[in-house]
Amino acid sequence: DLAVRNGWNGIIVYGCIRDSVALGKLPL
C-alpha cells in the first residue's frame, strides 16, 4: 500500500513476501 501511495511501479524481492492475496489486488 505504501509503495502504491508513493508512486512506485514495482518491487523485486530475492526472498519472500506475505499477504499475497492483498498484494495481488494492488496496482503494483
mmCIF file of all heavy atoms, coordinates in Angstrom:
data_MODEL
# 
_entry.id   MODEL 
# 
loop_
_atom_site.group_PDB 
_atom_site.id 
_atom_site.type_symbol 
_atom_site.label_atom_id 
_atom_site.label_alt_id 
_atom_site.label_comp_id 
_atom_site.label_asym_id 
_atom_site.label_entity_id 
_atom_site.label_seq_id 
_atom_site.pdbx_PDB_ins_code 
_atom_site.Cartn_x 
_atom_site.Cartn_y 
_atom_site.Cartn_z 
_atom_site.occupancy 
_atom_site.B_iso_or_equiv 
_atom_site.pdbx_formal_charge 
_atom_site.auth_seq_id 
_atom_site.auth_comp_id 
_atom_site.auth_asym_id 
_atom_site.auth_atom_id 
_atom_site.pdbx_PDB_model_num 
ATOM 1   N N   . ASP A 1 1  ? 0.832  -1.212  0.000   1.00 0.00 ? 1  ASP A N   1 
ATOM 2   C CA  . ASP A 1 1  ? 0.000  0.000   0.000   1.00 0.00 ? 1  ASP A CA  1 
ATOM 3   C C   . ASP A 1 1  ? 0.863  1.258   0.000   1.00 0.00 ? 1  ASP A C   1 
ATOM 4   O O   . ASP A 1 1  ? 0.586  2.219   -0.721  1.00 0.00 ? 1  ASP A O   1 
ATOM 5   C CB  . ASP A 1 1  ? -0.918 0.026   1.233   1.00 0.00 ? 1  ASP A CB  1 
ATOM 6   C CG  . ASP A 1 1  ? -2.099 -0.909  1.128   1.00 0.00 ? 1  ASP A CG  1 
ATOM 7   O OD1 . ASP A 1 1  ? -2.529 -1.236  -0.001  1.00 0.00 ? 1  ASP A OD1 1 
ATOM 8   O OD2 . ASP A 1 1  ? -2.609 -1.319  2.186   1.00 0.00 ? 1  ASP A OD2 1 
ATOM 9   N N   . LEU A 1 2  ? 1.910  1.242   0.818   1.00 0.00 ? 2  LEU A N   1 
ATOM 10  C CA  . LEU A 1 2  ? 2.819  2.382   0.897   1.00 0.00 ? 2  LEU A CA  1 
ATOM 11  C C   . LEU A 1 2  ? 3.485  2.647   -0.457  1.00 0.00 ? 2  LEU A C   1 
ATOM 12  O O   . LEU A 1 2  ? 3.587  3.795   -0.904  1.00 0.00 ? 2  LEU A O   1 
ATOM 13  C CB  . LEU A 1 2  ? 3.879  2.109   1.976   1.00 0.00 ? 2  LEU A CB  1 
ATOM 14  C CG  . LEU A 1 2  ? 4.868  3.218   2.298   1.00 0.00 ? 2  LEU A CG  1 
ATOM 15  C CD1 . LEU A 1 2  ? 4.148  4.451   2.852   1.00 0.00 ? 2  LEU A CD1 1 
ATOM 16  C CD2 . LEU A 1 2  ? 5.903  2.707   3.295   1.00 0.00 ? 2  LEU A CD2 1 
ATOM 17  N N   . ALA A 1 3  ? 3.921  1.586   -1.118  1.00 0.00 ? 3  ALA A N   1 
ATOM 18  C CA  . ALA A 1 3  ? 4.552  1.718   -2.433  1.00 0.00 ? 3  ALA A CA  1 
ATOM 19  C C   . ALA A 1 3  ? 3.592  2.346   -3.444  1.00 0.00 ? 3  ALA A C   1 
ATOM 20  O O   . ALA A 1 3  ? 3.979  3.251   -4.195  1.00 0.00 ? 3  ALA A O   1 
ATOM 21  C CB  . ALA A 1 3  ? 5.025  0.352   -2.932  1.00 0.00 ? 3  ALA A CB  1 
ATOM 22  N N   . VAL A 1 4  ? 2.362  1.895   -3.465  1.00 0.00 ? 4  VAL A N   1 
ATOM 23  C CA  . VAL A 1 4  ? 1.366  2.440   -4.400  1.00 0.00 ? 4  VAL A CA  1 
ATOM 24  C C   . VAL A 1 4  ? 1.119  3.913   -4.096  1.00 0.00 ? 4  VAL A C   1 
ATOM 25  O O   . VAL A 1 4  ? 1.116  4.749   -5.013  1.00 0.00 ? 4  VAL A O   1 
ATOM 26  C CB  . VAL A 1 4  ? 0.052  1.624   -4.342  1.00 0.00 ? 4  VAL A CB  1 
ATOM 27  C CG1 . VAL A 1 4  ? -1.059 2.320   -5.113  1.00 0.00 ? 4  VAL A CG1 1 
ATOM 28  C CG2 . VAL A 1 4  ? 0.276  0.219   -4.875  1.00 0.00 ? 4  VAL A CG2 1 
ATOM 29  N N   . ARG A 1 5  ? 0.913  4.250   -2.824  1.00 0.00 ? 5  ARG A N   1 
ATOM 30  C CA  . ARG A 1 5  ? 0.649  5.652   -2.444  1.00 0.00 ? 5  ARG A CA  1 
ATOM 31  C C   . ARG A 1 5  ? 1.788  6.578   -2.843  1.00 0.00 ? 5  ARG A C   1 
ATOM 32  O O   . ARG A 1 5  ? 1.564  7.743   -3.146  1.00 0.00 ? 5  ARG A O   1 
ATOM 33  C CB  . ARG A 1 5  ? 0.413  5.761   -0.930  1.00 0.00 ? 5  ARG A CB  1 
ATOM 34  C CG  . ARG A 1 5  ? -0.941 5.292   -0.471  1.00 0.00 ? 5  ARG A CG  1 
ATOM 35  C CD  . ARG A 1 5  ? -1.284 5.754   0.938   1.00 0.00 ? 5  ARG A CD  1 
ATOM 36  N NE  . ARG A 1 5  ? -0.229 5.572   1.923   1.00 0.00 ? 5  ARG A NE  1 
ATOM 37  C CZ  . ARG A 1 5  ? -0.052 4.474   2.657   1.00 0.00 ? 5  ARG A CZ  1 
ATOM 38  N NH1 . ARG A 1 5  ? -0.853 3.439   2.494   1.00 0.00 ? 5  ARG A NH1 1 
ATOM 39  N NH2 . ARG A 1 5  ? 0.919  4.412   3.543   1.00 0.00 ? 5  ARG A NH2 1 
ATOM 40  N N   . ASN A 1 6  ? 3.022  6.057   -2.851  1.00 0.00 ? 6  ASN A N   1 
ATOM 41  C CA  . ASN A 1 6  ? 4.181  6.897   -3.132  1.00 0.00 ? 6  ASN A CA  1 
ATOM 42  C C   . ASN A 1 6  ? 4.711  6.784   -4.559  1.00 0.00 ? 6  ASN A C   1 
ATOM 43  O O   . ASN A 1 6  ? 5.789  7.294   -4.865  1.00 0.00 ? 6  ASN A O   1 
ATOM 44  C CB  . ASN A 1 6  ? 5.284  6.621   -2.110  1.00 0.00 ? 6  ASN A CB  1 
ATOM 45  C CG  . ASN A 1 6  ? 4.920  7.198   -0.757  1.00 0.00 ? 6  ASN A CG  1 
ATOM 46  O OD1 . ASN A 1 6  ? 4.446  8.316   -0.664  1.00 0.00 ? 6  ASN A OD1 1 
ATOM 47  N ND2 . ASN A 1 6  ? 5.113  6.424   0.289   1.00 0.00 ? 6  ASN A ND2 1 
ATOM 48  N N   . GLY A 1 7  ? 3.976  6.119   -5.430  1.00 0.00 ? 7  GLY A N   1 
ATOM 49  C CA  . GLY A 1 7  ? 4.306  6.145   -6.851  1.00 0.00 ? 7  GLY A CA  1 
ATOM 50  C C   . GLY A 1 7  ? 5.387  5.181   -7.314  1.00 0.00 ? 7  GLY A C   1 
ATOM 51  O O   . GLY A 1 7  ? 6.049  5.445   -8.317  1.00 0.00 ? 7  GLY A O   1 
ATOM 52  N N   . TRP A 1 8  ? 5.557  4.053   -6.630  1.00 0.00 ? 8  TRP A N   1 
ATOM 53  C CA  . TRP A 1 8  ? 6.485  3.012   -7.092  1.00 0.00 ? 8  TRP A CA  1 
ATOM 54  C C   . TRP A 1 8  ? 5.769  2.144   -8.114  1.00 0.00 ? 8  TRP A C   1 
ATOM 55  O O   . TRP A 1 8  ? 4.583  1.851   -7.982  1.00 0.00 ? 8  TRP A O   1 
ATOM 56  C CB  . TRP A 1 8  ? 6.958  2.168   -5.911  1.00 0.00 ? 8  TRP A CB  1 
ATOM 57  C CG  . TRP A 1 8  ? 7.854  2.924   -4.983  1.00 0.00 ? 8  TRP A CG  1 
ATOM 58  C CD1 . TRP A 1 8  ? 7.466  3.755   -3.955  1.00 0.00 ? 8  TRP A CD1 1 
ATOM 59  C CD2 . TRP A 1 8  ? 9.279  2.953   -5.012  1.00 0.00 ? 8  TRP A CD2 1 
ATOM 60  N NE1 . TRP A 1 8  ? 8.563  4.293   -3.359  1.00 0.00 ? 8  TRP A NE1 1 
ATOM 61  C CE2 . TRP A 1 8  ? 9.693  3.823   -3.970  1.00 0.00 ? 8  TRP A CE2 1 
ATOM 62  C CE3 . TRP A 1 8  ? 10.234 2.344   -5.800  1.00 0.00 ? 8  TRP A CE3 1 
ATOM 63  C CZ2 . TRP A 1 8  ? 11.037 4.081   -3.727  1.00 0.00 ? 8  TRP A CZ2 1 
ATOM 64  C CZ3 . TRP A 1 8  ? 11.566 2.593   -5.545  1.00 0.00 ? 8  TRP A CZ3 1 
ATOM 65  C CH2 . TRP A 1 8  ? 11.967 3.458   -4.516  1.00 0.00 ? 8  TRP A CH2 1 
ATOM 66  N N   . ASN A 1 9  ? 6.485  1.698   -9.150  1.00 0.00 ? 9  ASN A N   1 
ATOM 67  C CA  . ASN A 1 9  ? 5.884  0.830   -10.177 1.00 0.00 ? 9  ASN A CA  1 
ATOM 68  C C   . ASN A 1 9  ? 5.964  -0.645  -9.810  1.00 0.00 ? 9  ASN A C   1 
ATOM 69  O O   . ASN A 1 9  ? 5.125  -1.428  -10.248 1.00 0.00 ? 9  ASN A O   1 
ATOM 70  C CB  . ASN A 1 9  ? 6.562  1.028   -11.528 1.00 0.00 ? 9  ASN A CB  1 
ATOM 71  C CG  . ASN A 1 9  ? 6.052  2.258   -12.244 1.00 0.00 ? 9  ASN A CG  1 
ATOM 72  O OD1 . ASN A 1 9  ? 5.093  2.889   -11.812 1.00 0.00 ? 9  ASN A OD1 1 
ATOM 73  N ND2 . ASN A 1 9  ? 6.700  2.607   -13.333 1.00 0.00 ? 9  ASN A ND2 1 
ATOM 74  N N   . GLY A 1 10 ? 7.005  -1.038  -9.065  1.00 0.00 ? 10 GLY A N   1 
ATOM 75  C CA  . GLY A 1 10 ? 7.146  -2.452  -8.765  1.00 0.00 ? 10 GLY A CA  1 
ATOM 76  C C   . GLY A 1 10 ? 8.210  -2.729  -7.732  1.00 0.00 ? 10 GLY A C   1 
ATOM 77  O O   . GLY A 1 10 ? 8.963  -1.841  -7.328  1.00 0.00 ? 10 GLY A O   1 
ATOM 78  N N   . ILE A 1 11 ? 8.235  -4.011  -7.311  1.00 0.00 ? 11 ILE A N   1 
ATOM 79  C CA  . ILE A 1 11 ? 9.203  -4.491  -6.326  1.00 0.00 ? 11 ILE A CA  1 
ATOM 80  C C   . ILE A 1 11 ? 9.647  -5.890  -6.750  1.00 0.00 ? 11 ILE A C   1 
ATOM 81  O O   . ILE A 1 11 ? 8.807  -6.746  -7.057  1.00 0.00 ? 11 ILE A O   1 
ATOM 82  C CB  . ILE A 1 11 ? 8.589  -4.573  -4.916  1.00 0.00 ? 11 ILE A CB  1 
ATOM 83  C CG1 . ILE A 1 11 ? 7.988  -3.233  -4.482  1.00 0.00 ? 11 ILE A CG1 1 
ATOM 84  C CG2 . ILE A 1 11 ? 9.629  -5.041  -3.900  1.00 0.00 ? 11 ILE A CG2 1 
ATOM 85  C CD1 . ILE A 1 11 ? 7.168  -3.304  -3.200  1.00 0.00 ? 11 ILE A CD1 1 
ATOM 86  N N   . ILE A 1 12 ? 10.950 -6.118  -6.755  1.00 0.00 ? 12 ILE A N   1 
ATOM 87  C CA  . ILE A 1 12 ? 11.522 -7.438  -6.975  1.00 0.00 ? 12 ILE A CA  1 
ATOM 88  C C   . ILE A 1 12 ? 12.173 -7.847  -5.660  1.00 0.00 ? 12 ILE A C   1 
ATOM 89  O O   . ILE A 1 12 ? 12.985 -7.093  -5.111  1.00 0.00 ? 12 ILE A O   1 
ATOM 90  C CB  . ILE A 1 12 ? 12.609 -7.428  -8.083  1.00 0.00 ? 12 ILE A CB  1 
ATOM 91  C CG1 . ILE A 1 12 ? 12.088 -6.834  -9.385  1.00 0.00 ? 12 ILE A CG1 1 
ATOM 92  C CG2 . ILE A 1 12 ? 13.208 -8.823  -8.262  1.00 0.00 ? 12 ILE A CG2 1 
ATOM 93  C CD1 . ILE A 1 12 ? 11.155 -7.706  -10.164 1.00 0.00 ? 12 ILE A CD1 1 
ATOM 94  N N   . VAL A 1 13 ? 11.825 -9.020  -5.137  1.00 0.00 ? 13 VAL A N   1 
ATOM 95  C CA  . VAL A 1 13 ? 12.356 -9.463  -3.844  1.00 0.00 ? 13 VAL A CA  1 
ATOM 96  C C   . VAL A 1 13 ? 13.086 -10.789 -4.009  1.00 0.00 ? 13 VAL A C   1 
ATOM 97  O O   . VAL A 1 13 ? 12.467 -11.804 -4.370  1.00 0.00 ? 13 VAL A O   1 
ATOM 98  C CB  . VAL A 1 13 ? 11.228 -9.631  -2.794  1.00 0.00 ? 13 VAL A CB  1 
ATOM 99  C CG1 . VAL A 1 13 ? 11.809 -10.053 -1.451  1.00 0.00 ? 13 VAL A CG1 1 
ATOM 100 C CG2 . VAL A 1 13 ? 10.421 -8.347  -2.655  1.00 0.00 ? 13 VAL A CG2 1 
ATOM 101 N N   . TYR A 1 14 ? 14.373 -10.768 -3.734  1.00 0.00 ? 14 TYR A N   1 
ATOM 102 C CA  . TYR A 1 14 ? 15.151 -12.008 -3.669  1.00 0.00 ? 14 TYR A CA  1 
ATOM 103 C C   . TYR A 1 14 ? 14.977 -12.537 -2.255  1.00 0.00 ? 14 TYR A C   1 
ATOM 104 O O   . TYR A 1 14 ? 15.831 -12.413 -1.387  1.00 0.00 ? 14 TYR A O   1 
ATOM 105 C CB  . TYR A 1 14 ? 16.615 -11.743 -4.009  1.00 0.00 ? 14 TYR A CB  1 
ATOM 106 C CG  . TYR A 1 14 ? 17.474 -12.978 -4.083  1.00 0.00 ? 14 TYR A CG  1 
ATOM 107 C CD1 . TYR A 1 14 ? 17.029 -14.132 -4.715  1.00 0.00 ? 14 TYR A CD1 1 
ATOM 108 C CD2 . TYR A 1 14 ? 18.745 -12.988 -3.533  1.00 0.00 ? 14 TYR A CD2 1 
ATOM 109 C CE1 . TYR A 1 14 ? 17.823 -15.265 -4.783  1.00 0.00 ? 14 TYR A CE1 1 
ATOM 110 C CE2 . TYR A 1 14 ? 19.550 -14.112 -3.603  1.00 0.00 ? 14 TYR A CE2 1 
ATOM 111 C CZ  . TYR A 1 14 ? 19.085 -15.238 -4.223  1.00 0.00 ? 14 TYR A CZ  1 
ATOM 112 O OH  . TYR A 1 14 ? 19.871 -16.359 -4.297  1.00 0.00 ? 14 TYR A OH  1 
ATOM 113 N N   . GLY A 1 15 ? 13.767 -13.069 -2.037  1.00 0.00 ? 15 GLY A N   1 
ATOM 114 C CA  . GLY A 1 15 ? 13.301 -13.537 -0.743  1.00 0.00 ? 15 GLY A CA  1 
ATOM 115 C C   . GLY A 1 15 ? 11.795 -13.736 -0.838  1.00 0.00 ? 15 GLY A C   1 
ATOM 116 O O   . GLY A 1 15 ? 11.268 -13.971 -1.928  1.00 0.00 ? 15 GLY A O   1 
ATOM 117 N N   . CYS A 1 16 ? 11.110 -13.596 0.289   1.00 0.00 ? 16 CYS A N   1 
ATOM 118 C CA  . CYS A 1 16 ? 9.675  -13.879 0.349   1.00 0.00 ? 16 CYS A CA  1 
ATOM 119 C C   . CYS A 1 16 ? 8.830  -12.636 0.606   1.00 0.00 ? 16 CYS A C   1 
ATOM 120 O O   . CYS A 1 16 ? 9.307  -11.640 1.134   1.00 0.00 ? 16 CYS A O   1 
ATOM 121 C CB  . CYS A 1 16 ? 9.402  -14.879 1.472   1.00 0.00 ? 16 CYS A CB  1 
ATOM 122 S SG  . CYS A 1 16 ? 10.084 -16.514 1.187   1.00 0.00 ? 16 CYS A SG  1 
ATOM 123 N N   . ILE A 1 17 ? 7.554  -12.770 0.248   1.00 0.00 ? 17 ILE A N   1 
ATOM 124 C CA  . ILE A 1 17 ? 6.534  -11.774 0.565   1.00 0.00 ? 17 ILE A CA  1 
ATOM 125 C C   . ILE A 1 17 ? 5.454  -12.472 1.395   1.00 0.00 ? 17 ILE A C   1 
ATOM 126 O O   . ILE A 1 17 ? 5.447  -13.701 1.525   1.00 0.00 ? 17 ILE A O   1 
ATOM 127 C CB  . ILE A 1 17 ? 5.917  -11.141 -0.706  1.00 0.00 ? 17 ILE A CB  1 
ATOM 128 C CG1 . ILE A 1 17 ? 5.265  -12.190 -1.639  1.00 0.00 ? 17 ILE A CG1 1 
ATOM 129 C CG2 . ILE A 1 17 ? 6.985  -10.400 -1.493  1.00 0.00 ? 17 ILE A CG2 1 
ATOM 130 C CD1 . ILE A 1 17 ? 3.801  -12.309 -1.493  1.00 0.00 ? 17 ILE A CD1 1 
ATOM 131 N N   . ARG A 1 18 ? 4.543  -11.691 1.948   1.00 0.00 ? 18 ARG A N   1 
ATOM 132 C CA  . ARG A 1 18 ? 3.370  -12.250 2.626   1.00 0.00 ? 18 ARG A CA  1 
ATOM 133 C C   . ARG A 1 18 ? 2.154  -11.421 2.247   1.00 0.00 ? 18 ARG A C   1 
ATOM 134 O O   . ARG A 1 18 ? 2.287  -10.436 1.518   1.00 0.00 ? 18 ARG A O   1 
ATOM 135 C CB  . ARG A 1 18 ? 3.571  -12.310 4.134   1.00 0.00 ? 18 ARG A CB  1 
ATOM 136 C CG  . ARG A 1 18 ? 3.648  -10.985 4.823   1.00 0.00 ? 18 ARG A CG  1 
ATOM 137 C CD  . ARG A 1 18 ? 4.039  -11.176 6.268   1.00 0.00 ? 18 ARG A CD  1 
ATOM 138 N NE  . ARG A 1 18 ? 3.393  -10.192 7.132   1.00 0.00 ? 18 ARG A NE  1 
ATOM 139 C CZ  . ARG A 1 18 ? 3.216  -10.354 8.418   1.00 0.00 ? 18 ARG A CZ  1 
ATOM 140 N NH1 . ARG A 1 18 ? 3.616  -11.455 9.014   1.00 0.00 ? 18 ARG A NH1 1 
ATOM 141 N NH2 . ARG A 1 18 ? 2.633  -9.427  9.138   1.00 0.00 ? 18 ARG A NH2 1 
ATOM 142 N N   . ASP A 1 19 ? 0.991  -11.818 2.697   1.00 0.00 ? 19 ASP A N   1 
ATOM 143 C CA  . ASP A 1 19 ? -0.250 -11.133 2.327   1.00 0.00 ? 19 ASP A CA  1 
ATOM 144 C C   . ASP A 1 19 ? -0.444 -11.157 0.815   1.00 0.00 ? 19 ASP A C   1 
ATOM 145 O O   . ASP A 1 19 ? -0.823 -10.158 0.189   1.00 0.00 ? 19 ASP A O   1 
ATOM 146 C CB  . ASP A 1 19 ? -0.265 -9.683  2.837   1.00 0.00 ? 19 ASP A CB  1 
ATOM 147 C CG  . ASP A 1 19 ? -0.038 -9.578  4.337   1.00 0.00 ? 19 ASP A CG  1 
ATOM 148 O OD1 . ASP A 1 19 ? -0.705 -10.328 5.083   1.00 0.00 ? 19 ASP A OD1 1 
ATOM 149 O OD2 . ASP A 1 19 ? 0.805  -8.767  4.752   1.00 0.00 ? 19 ASP A OD2 1 
ATOM 150 N N   . SER A 1 20 ? -0.198 -12.301 0.212   1.00 0.00 ? 20 SER A N   1 
ATOM 151 C CA  . SER A 1 20 ? -0.202 -12.414 -1.245  1.00 0.00 ? 20 SER A CA  1 
ATOM 152 C C   . SER A 1 20 ? -1.553 -12.080 -1.876  1.00 0.00 ? 20 SER A C   1 
ATOM 153 O O   . SER A 1 20 ? -1.581 -11.494 -2.965  1.00 0.00 ? 20 SER A O   1 
ATOM 154 C CB  . SER A 1 20 ? 0.256  -13.805 -1.679  1.00 0.00 ? 20 SER A CB  1 
ATOM 155 O OG  . SER A 1 20 ? -0.614 -14.803 -1.173  1.00 0.00 ? 20 SER A OG  1 
ATOM 156 N N   . VAL A 1 21 ? -2.646 -12.413 -1.217  1.00 0.00 ? 21 VAL A N   1 
ATOM 157 C CA  . VAL A 1 21 ? -3.966 -12.110 -1.789  1.00 0.00 ? 21 VAL A CA  1 
ATOM 158 C C   . VAL A 1 21 ? -4.168 -10.602 -1.857  1.00 0.00 ? 21 VAL A C   1 
ATOM 159 O O   . VAL A 1 21 ? -4.584 -10.061 -2.887  1.00 0.00 ? 21 VAL A O   1 
ATOM 160 C CB  . VAL A 1 21 ? -5.089 -12.798 -0.985  1.00 0.00 ? 21 VAL A CB  1 
ATOM 161 C CG1 . VAL A 1 21 ? -6.460 -12.337 -1.460  1.00 0.00 ? 21 VAL A CG1 1 
ATOM 162 C CG2 . VAL A 1 21 ? -4.973 -14.318 -1.095  1.00 0.00 ? 21 VAL A CG2 1 
ATOM 163 N N   . ALA A 1 22 ? -3.844 -9.899  -0.765  1.00 0.00 ? 22 ALA A N   1 
ATOM 164 C CA  . ALA A 1 22 ? -3.988 -8.438  -0.745  1.00 0.00 ? 22 ALA A CA  1 
ATOM 165 C C   . ALA A 1 22 ? -3.039 -7.784  -1.749  1.00 0.00 ? 22 ALA A C   1 
ATOM 166 O O   . ALA A 1 22 ? -3.416 -6.846  -2.452  1.00 0.00 ? 22 ALA A O   1 
ATOM 167 C CB  . ALA A 1 22 ? -3.730 -7.902  0.664   1.00 0.00 ? 22 ALA A CB  1 
ATOM 168 N N   . LEU A 1 23 ? -1.802 -8.267  -1.827  1.00 0.00 ? 23 LEU A N   1 
ATOM 169 C CA  . LEU A 1 23 ? -0.846 -7.705  -2.783  1.00 0.00 ? 23 LEU A CA  1 
ATOM 170 C C   . LEU A 1 23 ? -1.317 -7.902  -4.219  1.00 0.00 ? 23 LEU A C   1 
ATOM 171 O O   . LEU A 1 23 ? -1.090 -7.053  -5.075  1.00 0.00 ? 23 LEU A O   1 
ATOM 172 C CB  . LEU A 1 23 ? 0.542  -8.322  -2.594  1.00 0.00 ? 23 LEU A CB  1 
ATOM 173 C CG  . LEU A 1 23 ? 1.293  -7.911  -1.334  1.00 0.00 ? 23 LEU A CG  1 
ATOM 174 C CD1 . LEU A 1 23 ? 2.575  -8.716  -1.193  1.00 0.00 ? 23 LEU A CD1 1 
ATOM 175 C CD2 . LEU A 1 23 ? 1.574  -6.425  -1.309  1.00 0.00 ? 23 LEU A CD2 1 
ATOM 176 N N   . GLY A 1 24 ? -1.996 -9.006  -4.475  1.00 0.00 ? 24 GLY A N   1 
ATOM 177 C CA  . GLY A 1 24 ? -2.495 -9.290  -5.809  1.00 0.00 ? 24 GLY A CA  1 
ATOM 178 C C   . GLY A 1 24 ? -3.580 -8.338  -6.275  1.00 0.00 ? 24 GLY A C   1 
ATOM 179 O O   . GLY A 1 24 ? -3.888 -8.277  -7.462  1.00 0.00 ? 24 GLY A O   1 
ATOM 180 N N   . LYS A 1 25 ? -4.151 -7.572  -5.357  1.00 0.00 ? 25 LYS A N   1 
ATOM 181 C CA  . LYS A 1 25 ? -5.202 -6.613  -5.694  1.00 0.00 ? 25 LYS A CA  1 
ATOM 182 C C   . LYS A 1 25 ? -4.664 -5.196  -5.900  1.00 0.00 ? 25 LYS A C   1 
ATOM 183 O O   . LYS A 1 25 ? -5.414 -4.305  -6.278  1.00 0.00 ? 25 LYS A O   1 
ATOM 184 C CB  . LYS A 1 25 ? -6.260 -6.609  -4.595  1.00 0.00 ? 25 LYS A CB  1 
ATOM 185 C CG  . LYS A 1 25 ? -6.989 -7.939  -4.489  1.00 0.00 ? 25 LYS A CG  1 
ATOM 186 C CD  . LYS A 1 25 ? -7.969 -7.942  -3.345  1.00 0.00 ? 25 LYS A CD  1 
ATOM 187 C CE  . LYS A 1 25 ? -8.626 -9.314  -3.233  1.00 0.00 ? 25 LYS A CE  1 
ATOM 188 N NZ  . LYS A 1 25 ? -9.503 -9.413  -2.070  1.00 0.00 ? 25 LYS A NZ  1 
ATOM 189 N N   . LEU A 1 26 ? -3.371 -5.011  -5.640  1.00 0.00 ? 26 LEU A N   1 
ATOM 190 C CA  . LEU A 1 26 ? -2.787 -3.674  -5.759  1.00 0.00 ? 26 LEU A CA  1 
ATOM 191 C C   . LEU A 1 26 ? -2.284 -3.393  -7.170  1.00 0.00 ? 26 LEU A C   1 
ATOM 192 O O   . LEU A 1 26 ? -1.775 -4.295  -7.839  1.00 0.00 ? 26 LEU A O   1 
ATOM 193 C CB  . LEU A 1 26 ? -1.611 -3.530  -4.788  1.00 0.00 ? 26 LEU A CB  1 
ATOM 194 C CG  . LEU A 1 26 ? -1.935 -3.559  -3.307  1.00 0.00 ? 26 LEU A CG  1 
ATOM 195 C CD1 . LEU A 1 26 ? -0.642 -3.501  -2.495  1.00 0.00 ? 26 LEU A CD1 1 
ATOM 196 C CD2 . LEU A 1 26 ? -2.854 -2.409  -2.930  1.00 0.00 ? 26 LEU A CD2 1 
ATOM 197 N N   . PRO A 1 27 ? -2.361 -2.133  -7.605  1.00 0.00 ? 27 PRO A N   1 
ATOM 198 C CA  . PRO A 1 27 ? -1.792 -1.761  -8.912  1.00 0.00 ? 27 PRO A CA  1 
ATOM 199 C C   . PRO A 1 27 ? -0.274 -1.593  -8.797  1.00 0.00 ? 27 PRO A C   1 
ATOM 200 O O   . PRO A 1 27 ? 0.267  -0.496  -8.904  1.00 0.00 ? 27 PRO A O   1 
ATOM 201 C CB  . PRO A 1 27 ? -2.498 -0.443  -9.240  1.00 0.00 ? 27 PRO A CB  1 
ATOM 202 C CG  . PRO A 1 27 ? -2.786 0.163   -7.896  1.00 0.00 ? 27 PRO A CG  1 
ATOM 203 C CD  . PRO A 1 27 ? -3.057 -1.000  -6.977  1.00 0.00 ? 27 PRO A CD  1 
ATOM 204 N N   . LEU A 1 28 ? 0.397  -2.711  -8.557  1.00 0.00 ? 28 LEU A N   1 
ATOM 205 C CA  . LEU A 1 28 ? 1.832  -2.734  -8.298  1.00 0.00 ? 28 LEU A CA  1 
ATOM 206 C C   . LEU A 1 28 ? 2.385  -4.048  -8.834  1.00 0.00 ? 28 LEU A C   1 
ATOM 207 O O   . LEU A 1 28 ? 1.784  -5.104  -8.626  1.00 0.00 ? 28 LEU A O   1 
ATOM 208 C CB  . LEU A 1 28 ? 2.071  -2.645  -6.787  1.00 0.00 ? 28 LEU A CB  1 
ATOM 209 C CG  . LEU A 1 28 ? 3.500  -2.615  -6.276  1.00 0.00 ? 28 LEU A CG  1 
ATOM 210 C CD1 . LEU A 1 28 ? 4.193  -1.315  -6.671  1.00 0.00 ? 28 LEU A CD1 1 
ATOM 211 C CD2 . LEU A 1 28 ? 3.513  -2.775  -4.755  1.00 0.00 ? 28 LEU A CD2 1 
# 
